[in-house]
């Protein structure tokens, strides 16, 4: 089933995601109506906010659904979800929201609409893009070639939901990326995002070229330019997370750590 419009026009509500985290690690399968009663997230027979928020939480890497019964759920917290549940269950910290954004836009496991706009389309338009042109750009991609695209939830994600950082602005009919500055407390977020994509796209590969790195589209996720990305790579090298091999042209980077290891340090630079 296509996940293009899984959101049903609803943007992610942080409070609802938090409530889902609170009821994870279920002992048995339950219905969306059961989840609604436990969490207070509204739902109905046909539509509602429970199912979209389960999908959001899955795309963000917070939970998995291991139910084998259609129409029922058995939600289990991921290792990343457990860390966030322990450190910031309300999802209010910039670190938390950026990690969720990074996973929501993942090339391999993210939500299609968020992935294509953030990693492929917006970097092509540093001065901004009109919404009508944005929809035209989406139509060039086979996933969006036919059917109605409900795009409003994408805007609301960054204009309303993720309030801890300002990545996008929408004025009248123009969407723009807000260039971001490096923040030391976010270093392990950058590391996690890079390593997670690397592990998904280049499985079992511990060394990649600068051209392969470019294909991960990391700069689009954080609103960086190439110079900023290289500065971050150097800092990650100092932390022994990666190693830069500058003797080759083009240069390569070697993976020393992993996303599973790095995620344990996500909040460490806050203290």
Protein backbone atom coordinates (compact mmCIF):
# COMPACT_ATOMS: atom_id res chain seq x y z
CA UNK A 1 0.00 0.00 0.00
CA UNK A 2 1.28 3.46 -0.92
CA UNK A 3 2.41 5.61 1.97
CA UNK A 4 2.27 8.87 -0.01
CA UNK A 5 -0.76 10.19 1.87
CA UNK A 6 -0.51 8.10 5.04
CA UNK A 7 -0.83 11.31 7.07
CA UNK A 8 -4.44 11.87 5.94
CA UNK A 9 -3.61 15.64 6.00
CA UNK A 10 -2.66 15.51 9.73
CA UNK A 11 0.83 16.84 10.60
CA UNK A 12 2.72 15.11 13.42
CA UNK A 13 1.59 16.23 16.87
CA UNK A 14 4.40 15.86 19.37
CA UNK A 15 2.04 15.17 22.25
CA UNK A 16 0.43 12.29 20.36
CA UNK A 17 3.82 10.80 19.49
CA UNK A 18 4.77 11.06 23.16
CA UNK A 19 1.60 9.25 24.20
CA UNK A 20 2.34 6.44 21.75
CA UNK A 21 5.82 6.07 23.25
CA UNK A 22 4.24 5.75 26.70
CA UNK A 23 2.16 2.70 25.69
CA UNK A 24 4.83 0.83 23.69
CA UNK A 25 6.14 -2.66 24.44
CA UNK A 26 2.62 -4.07 24.39
CA UNK A 27 1.95 -7.58 25.62
CA UNK A 28 -0.80 -8.18 23.08
CA UNK A 29 -2.26 -6.89 19.83
CA UNK A 30 -4.85 -4.11 20.10
CA UNK A 31 -7.00 -2.08 17.72
CA UNK A 32 -6.70 1.60 16.89
CA UNK A 33 -9.82 2.15 18.99
CA UNK A 34 -8.03 0.57 21.96
CA UNK A 35 -5.05 2.85 21.35
CA UNK A 36 -7.36 5.84 21.19
CA UNK A 37 -8.85 4.95 24.59
CA UNK A 38 -5.40 4.50 26.14
CA UNK A 39 -3.87 7.69 24.71
CA UNK A 40 -6.72 10.08 24.02
CA UNK A 41 -5.62 10.38 20.39
CA UNK A 42 -8.85 10.80 18.39
CA UNK A 43 -9.87 8.21 15.82
CA UNK A 44 -12.92 7.07 13.90
CA UNK A 45 -14.11 4.11 11.90
CA UNK A 46 -12.66 5.41 8.63
CA UNK A 47 -10.08 8.04 9.54
CA UNK A 48 -8.56 9.71 12.56
CA UNK A 49 -5.18 10.56 14.03
CA UNK A 50 -4.16 7.25 15.61
CA UNK A 51 -3.03 5.47 12.44
CA UNK A 52 -1.19 8.47 10.92
CA UNK A 53 0.71 8.98 14.17
CA UNK A 54 1.67 5.32 14.35
CA UNK A 55 3.09 5.73 10.85
CA UNK A 56 4.87 8.94 11.81
CA UNK A 57 6.43 7.21 14.81
CA UNK A 58 7.56 4.30 12.62
CA UNK A 59 9.04 6.60 9.96
CA UNK A 60 10.83 8.54 12.72
CA UNK A 61 12.41 5.32 13.98
CA UNK A 62 10.71 5.48 17.38
CA UNK A 63 8.57 2.33 17.23
CA UNK A 64 7.88 -0.80 15.20
CA UNK A 65 4.59 -2.63 14.80
CA UNK A 66 5.08 -6.39 15.13
CA UNK A 67 1.41 -7.33 14.86
CA UNK A 68 0.62 -9.96 12.23
CA UNK A 69 -3.12 -9.27 12.32
CA UNK A 70 -4.67 -6.79 9.91
CA UNK A 71 -6.21 -3.84 11.72
CA UNK A 72 -4.37 -4.53 14.98
CA UNK A 73 -1.16 -3.22 16.49
CA UNK A 74 1.55 -4.41 18.81
CA UNK A 75 3.83 -1.45 19.21
CA UNK A 76 7.40 -1.99 20.37
CA UNK A 77 9.90 0.75 21.18
CA UNK A 78 13.09 0.76 19.10
CA UNK A 79 16.49 1.33 20.69
CA UNK A 80 16.33 4.94 19.47
CA UNK A 81 12.78 5.24 20.83
CA UNK A 82 13.92 3.99 24.23
CA UNK A 83 16.67 6.62 24.37
CA UNK A 84 14.25 9.40 23.50
CA UNK A 85 11.68 7.98 25.91
CA UNK A 86 14.29 8.21 28.67
CA UNK A 87 15.83 11.58 27.77
CA UNK A 88 12.96 13.62 26.29
CA UNK A 89 9.64 11.79 26.13
CA UNK A 90 7.86 15.05 25.34
CA UNK A 91 9.99 15.44 22.18
CA UNK A 92 10.70 19.10 22.99
CA UNK A 93 14.50 19.24 22.69
CA UNK A 94 16.07 20.37 19.41
CA UNK A 95 18.17 17.19 19.43
CA UNK A 96 15.05 15.01 19.58
CA UNK A 97 13.19 16.88 16.87
CA UNK A 98 16.20 16.90 14.53
CA UNK A 99 16.71 13.15 14.95
CA UNK A 100 13.02 12.57 14.22
CA UNK A 101 13.27 14.88 11.19
CA UNK A 102 16.38 13.04 10.00
CA UNK A 103 14.66 9.66 10.17
CA UNK A 104 11.39 11.01 8.72
CA UNK A 105 13.36 12.17 5.67
CA UNK A 106 15.59 9.08 5.39
CA UNK A 107 16.39 7.99 1.85
CA UNK A 108 15.83 4.34 2.76
CA UNK A 109 13.16 4.28 5.45
CA UNK A 110 11.59 7.74 5.53
CA UNK A 111 8.18 9.00 4.42
CA UNK A 112 8.19 9.53 0.63
CA UNK A 113 6.86 13.11 0.62
CA UNK A 114 9.26 14.29 3.34
CA UNK A 115 12.19 12.44 1.79
CA UNK A 116 11.84 13.80 -1.75
CA UNK A 117 11.13 17.40 -0.81
CA UNK A 118 13.88 17.67 1.82
CA UNK A 119 16.71 15.73 0.19
CA UNK A 120 16.08 16.15 -3.52
CA UNK A 121 13.95 19.20 -4.30
CA UNK A 122 14.73 21.96 -1.77
CA UNK A 123 18.56 21.82 -2.22
CA UNK A 124 17.98 22.71 -5.90
CA UNK A 125 16.25 25.95 -4.92
CA UNK A 126 18.36 27.80 -2.32
CA UNK A 127 16.38 31.00 -2.93
CA UNK A 128 13.06 29.25 -2.46
CA UNK A 129 10.47 27.52 -4.59
CA UNK A 130 6.86 28.35 -5.37
CA UNK A 131 4.44 25.72 -4.15
CA UNK A 132 3.02 25.17 -7.64
CA UNK A 133 6.56 24.46 -8.93
CA UNK A 134 7.19 22.18 -5.96
CA UNK A 135 4.21 20.04 -6.96
CA UNK A 136 5.49 20.01 -10.56
CA UNK A 137 8.85 18.76 -9.29
CA UNK A 138 7.15 16.00 -7.33
CA UNK A 139 5.24 14.89 -10.43
CA UNK A 140 8.57 14.18 -12.14
CA UNK A 141 9.12 11.36 -9.65
CA UNK A 142 7.29 8.08 -10.46
CA UNK A 143 5.97 7.76 -6.89
CA UNK A 144 4.05 11.02 -7.29
CA UNK A 145 3.20 10.89 -11.00
CA UNK A 146 -0.47 10.03 -10.50
CA UNK A 147 -3.05 10.68 -7.83
CA UNK A 148 -3.60 13.62 -5.50
CA UNK A 149 -0.68 14.71 -3.32
CA UNK A 150 -1.78 16.02 0.07
CA UNK A 151 1.16 18.30 0.75
CA UNK A 152 -0.12 20.51 3.57
CA UNK A 153 1.08 18.19 6.35
CA UNK A 154 4.65 18.58 5.10
CA UNK A 155 4.53 22.35 5.53
CA UNK A 156 2.92 22.10 8.96
CA UNK A 157 5.62 19.70 10.17
CA UNK A 158 8.22 22.46 9.97
CA UNK A 159 6.10 25.56 10.40
CA UNK A 160 4.19 24.30 13.47
CA UNK A 161 5.23 20.87 14.80
CA UNK A 162 9.03 21.03 14.99
CA UNK A 163 9.25 24.26 16.94
CA UNK A 164 12.72 23.74 18.40
CA UNK A 165 14.47 24.49 15.11
CA UNK A 166 13.65 26.60 12.08
CA UNK A 167 14.51 24.72 8.90
CA UNK A 168 11.82 25.96 6.50
CA UNK A 169 9.75 29.09 6.08
CA UNK A 170 6.63 29.51 3.97
CA UNK A 171 5.68 33.03 2.98
CA UNK A 172 2.65 33.37 0.72
CA UNK A 173 3.34 30.68 -1.91
CA UNK A 174 7.14 30.38 -1.54
CA UNK A 175 8.91 27.74 0.52
CA UNK A 176 12.50 28.45 1.59
CA UNK A 177 15.23 26.59 3.48
CA UNK A 178 16.69 28.54 6.38
CA UNK A 179 20.51 28.10 6.23
CA UNK A 180 21.65 26.46 9.45
CA UNK A 181 24.74 27.12 11.55
CA UNK A 182 26.76 24.37 13.19
CA UNK A 183 25.86 23.71 16.84
CA UNK A 184 28.25 21.71 18.98
CA UNK A 185 25.47 20.11 21.05
CA UNK A 186 24.07 18.64 17.83
CA UNK A 187 27.30 16.95 16.73
CA UNK A 188 26.06 13.45 17.53
CA UNK A 189 22.79 14.14 15.69
CA UNK A 190 24.81 14.90 12.56
CA UNK A 191 26.87 11.77 13.15
CA UNK A 192 23.82 9.59 13.70
CA UNK A 193 22.09 10.86 10.55
CA UNK A 194 25.18 10.26 8.41
CA UNK A 195 25.88 6.80 9.77
CA UNK A 196 22.25 5.66 9.64
CA UNK A 197 21.94 6.58 5.95
CA UNK A 198 25.34 5.07 5.20
CA UNK A 199 24.31 1.78 6.80
CA UNK A 200 21.04 1.70 4.88
CA UNK A 201 22.33 2.70 1.43
CA UNK A 202 25.84 1.22 1.47
CA UNK A 203 25.31 -1.92 3.52
CA UNK A 204 28.46 -3.71 4.72
CA UNK A 205 30.63 -0.95 3.22
CA UNK A 206 33.03 0.72 5.64
CA UNK A 207 34.63 3.13 3.17
CA UNK A 208 32.84 5.41 0.72
CA UNK A 209 34.00 8.08 -1.72
CA UNK A 210 33.01 11.73 -1.65
CA UNK A 211 30.71 11.03 -4.61
CA UNK A 212 28.94 8.30 -2.65
CA UNK A 213 28.70 10.65 0.32
CA UNK A 214 27.01 13.25 -1.88
CA UNK A 215 24.36 10.70 -2.87
CA UNK A 216 23.29 10.41 0.78
CA UNK A 217 21.98 14.01 0.53
CA UNK A 218 22.99 14.82 4.10
CA UNK A 219 23.31 18.57 3.45
CA UNK A 220 19.62 18.85 2.54
CA UNK A 221 18.56 17.37 5.86
CA UNK A 222 20.27 20.06 7.92
CA UNK A 223 20.32 23.04 5.56
CA UNK A 224 24.11 22.92 5.22
CA UNK A 225 26.43 23.77 2.37
CA UNK A 226 29.30 21.49 1.33
CA UNK A 227 31.90 23.48 3.29
CA UNK A 228 29.90 23.06 6.50
CA UNK A 229 29.52 19.33 5.86
CA UNK A 230 33.28 18.92 5.46
CA UNK A 231 33.86 20.85 8.69
CA UNK A 232 31.53 18.43 10.47
CA UNK A 233 33.33 15.46 8.92
CA UNK A 234 36.58 16.77 10.38
CA UNK A 235 34.98 17.07 13.82
CA UNK A 236 33.61 13.53 13.54
CA UNK A 237 37.09 12.39 12.62
CA UNK A 238 38.45 14.00 15.80
CA UNK A 239 35.85 12.00 17.77
CA UNK A 240 37.00 8.76 16.06
CA UNK A 241 33.54 8.26 14.54
CA UNK A 242 34.92 8.35 11.00
CA UNK A 243 38.32 8.72 9.39
CA UNK A 244 38.96 10.97 6.40
CA UNK A 245 41.34 9.62 3.78
CA UNK A 246 42.49 12.80 2.04
CA UNK A 247 45.33 11.09 0.19
CA UNK A 248 42.89 9.84 -2.42
CA UNK A 249 41.23 12.04 -5.03
CA UNK A 250 38.34 12.20 -4.61
CA UNK A 251 38.73 11.76 -0.85
CA UNK A 252 37.08 8.87 0.97
CA UNK A 253 35.73 8.46 4.48
CA UNK A 254 36.03 5.34 6.60
CA UNK A 255 33.33 4.36 9.10
CA UNK A 256 34.77 3.60 12.54
CA UNK A 257 31.63 3.74 14.68
CA UNK A 258 27.95 2.93 13.98
CA UNK A 259 24.56 4.61 14.34
CA UNK A 260 23.66 2.17 17.14
CA UNK A 261 26.71 3.26 19.12
CA UNK A 262 26.46 6.97 18.34
CA UNK A 263 22.78 7.22 19.31
CA UNK A 264 23.78 6.54 22.92
CA UNK A 265 25.64 9.88 22.90
CA UNK A 266 22.91 11.99 21.27
CA UNK A 267 22.20 14.02 24.41
CA UNK A 268 25.69 13.89 25.93
CA UNK A 269 26.79 17.37 24.81
CA UNK A 270 23.82 19.04 26.53
CA UNK A 271 25.32 18.47 29.95
